[in-house]
Protein backbone atom coordinates (compact mmCIF):
# COMPACT_ATOMS: atom_id res chain seq x y z
CA MET A 1 0.10 0.26 0.12
CA SER A 2 1.26 3.21 -0.86
CA ALA A 3 1.77 6.24 1.61
CA GLY A 4 -0.98 8.32 0.03
CA LEU A 5 -3.68 5.85 0.03
CA GLY A 6 -5.75 5.12 3.06
CA ALA A 7 -7.14 1.61 3.97
CA GLY A 8 -10.31 1.96 1.66
CA GLY A 9 -7.83 2.62 -1.39
CA SER A 10 -8.90 6.06 -1.56
CA SER A 11 -6.43 9.22 -1.48
CA LYS A 12 -7.05 12.45 0.33
CA VAL A 13 -5.74 15.78 -0.62
CA VAL A 14 -4.64 17.87 2.53
CA ALA A 15 -3.60 21.44 2.21
CA PHE A 16 -0.27 22.70 3.38
CA PRO A 17 -0.72 24.17 6.70
CA GLY A 18 -1.45 27.96 6.58
CA LYS A 19 -2.24 28.10 3.07
CA SER A 20 -5.63 27.97 1.36
CA ALA A 21 -6.24 25.09 -1.26
CA ALA A 22 -7.98 27.43 -3.70
CA GLN A 23 -6.25 29.40 -6.35
CA ILE A 24 -7.54 31.05 -9.00
CA GLY A 25 -5.82 30.60 -12.52
CA PHE A 26 -6.22 30.73 -16.41
CA ASP A 27 -7.43 27.47 -17.93
CA ARG A 28 -5.64 26.28 -21.06
CA ASP A 29 -7.80 27.99 -23.50
CA GLU A 30 -7.63 31.31 -22.00
CA LEU A 31 -3.96 31.33 -21.29
CA GLN A 32 -3.52 29.90 -25.24
CA ARG A 33 -5.36 32.88 -26.68
CA ILE A 34 -3.34 35.53 -24.19
CA LEU A 35 0.03 33.99 -24.96
CA ASP A 36 -0.73 34.07 -28.72
CA LEU A 37 -1.42 37.76 -28.37
CA TYR A 38 1.62 38.31 -26.44
CA GLY A 39 3.87 36.43 -29.24
CA ARG A 40 2.30 38.61 -32.07
CA MET A 41 3.07 42.01 -29.74
CA VAL A 42 6.60 40.63 -29.24
CA ALA A 43 7.17 40.00 -33.14
CA ALA A 44 5.89 43.85 -33.61
CA GLY A 45 8.49 44.95 -31.03
CA GLN A 46 5.73 46.16 -28.63
CA TRP A 47 6.02 43.99 -25.48
CA ARG A 48 9.59 42.10 -24.41
CA ASP A 49 8.40 40.63 -21.03
CA TYR A 50 5.52 39.21 -18.89
CA ALA A 51 4.35 38.34 -15.51
CA MET A 52 1.51 36.08 -14.30
CA ASP A 53 0.12 36.21 -10.65
CA PHE A 54 -2.24 33.82 -9.04
CA ASP A 55 -3.84 34.03 -5.81
CA ARG A 56 -7.35 32.69 -4.14
CA ASN A 57 -9.34 35.91 -5.58
CA ALA A 58 -7.76 36.70 -8.98
CA ALA A 59 -5.21 35.55 -11.74
CA SER A 60 -3.61 38.10 -13.64
CA PHE A 61 -1.28 38.46 -16.64
CA SER A 62 0.88 41.60 -17.35
CA ALA A 63 2.81 42.37 -20.54
CA PHE A 64 5.83 44.78 -20.32
CA ARG A 65 7.27 46.80 -22.88
CA ARG A 66 10.72 46.84 -20.62
CA THR A 67 11.17 44.72 -17.73
CA ALA A 68 11.66 47.64 -15.02
CA GLU A 69 8.53 49.53 -16.17
CA ARG A 70 4.98 49.17 -15.17
CA PRO A 71 2.96 46.79 -17.15
CA ASN A 72 2.06 47.94 -20.57
CA MET A 73 -1.25 45.73 -20.13
CA ARG A 74 -2.75 43.62 -17.54
CA ILE A 75 -5.40 41.33 -18.03
CA GLU A 76 -7.27 39.81 -14.74
CA LYS A 77 -9.61 37.02 -14.42
CA ARG A 78 -12.02 37.37 -11.20
CA PRO A 79 -15.07 34.64 -11.13
CA SER A 80 -16.35 36.42 -8.30
CA LEU A 81 -17.26 39.16 -10.78
CA ARG A 82 -18.98 36.61 -13.26
CA ALA A 83 -22.73 37.64 -12.68
CA LYS A 84 -22.04 41.08 -12.27
CA GLN A 85 -19.66 42.75 -14.56
CA GLY A 86 -17.97 39.67 -16.26
CA MET A 87 -14.90 37.90 -14.70
CA TYR A 88 -12.24 39.49 -17.07
CA THR A 89 -10.77 42.99 -17.00
CA LEU A 90 -8.41 44.57 -19.42
CA PHE A 91 -6.38 47.44 -17.59
CA GLY A 92 -4.01 50.06 -19.39
CA GLU A 93 -0.88 51.27 -18.73
CA HIS A 94 -1.67 53.64 -15.86
CA GLY A 95 -4.47 51.31 -14.20
CA GLN A 96 -7.37 52.53 -16.05
CA VAL A 97 -10.20 50.01 -17.03
CA LEU A 98 -10.11 49.70 -20.71
CA LYS A 99 -12.52 46.77 -21.14
CA ARG A 100 -14.66 44.27 -19.12
CA GLY A 101 -16.71 41.33 -19.90
CA SER A 102 -17.32 37.63 -19.55
CA ASP A 103 -15.79 36.75 -23.04
CA LEU A 104 -11.90 36.80 -23.10
CA ALA A 105 -11.91 37.46 -26.92
CA ASN A 106 -13.96 40.37 -26.72
CA VAL A 107 -11.97 41.77 -23.68
CA LEU A 108 -8.70 41.36 -25.89
CA ALA A 109 -10.07 43.14 -28.65
CA PRO A 110 -8.52 46.49 -28.11
CA MET A 111 -4.94 45.05 -27.68
CA GLU A 112 -5.66 43.24 -31.03
CA ARG A 113 -6.78 46.66 -32.73
CA ARG A 114 -3.35 47.99 -31.56
CA LEU A 115 -1.46 44.97 -32.87
CA VAL A 116 -3.15 45.81 -36.35
CA LYS A 117 -2.02 49.45 -36.08
CA ALA A 118 1.56 48.65 -35.14
CA VAL A 119 2.16 46.27 -37.95
CA GLU A 120 0.74 48.89 -40.33
CA ASP A 121 3.48 51.61 -39.31
């Protein structure tokens, strides 16, 4: 019998003491869409670095023009706001809310338009 299994053959996950077991994150499709946009913005020379932050209330993805600056864009996922204003929020460079909604593609649309302008120049 393995150390993780009880007498009945079932395992039980125990949270680390002092830490919450729940954590908000991006699922595979959300992260794929965000990283696709990030890759195209890197290719256009707009972004160079990114950061991700996950806690029990929200998950965020920030993109930077340079590492030492404030984020050029931040997308935040807060499932607690799903029924109110949508769980995705797009923040601009100065912290202003650019778009909110429940569909990630629509929330990322302003960044997609910015990408089209960067390629045309």
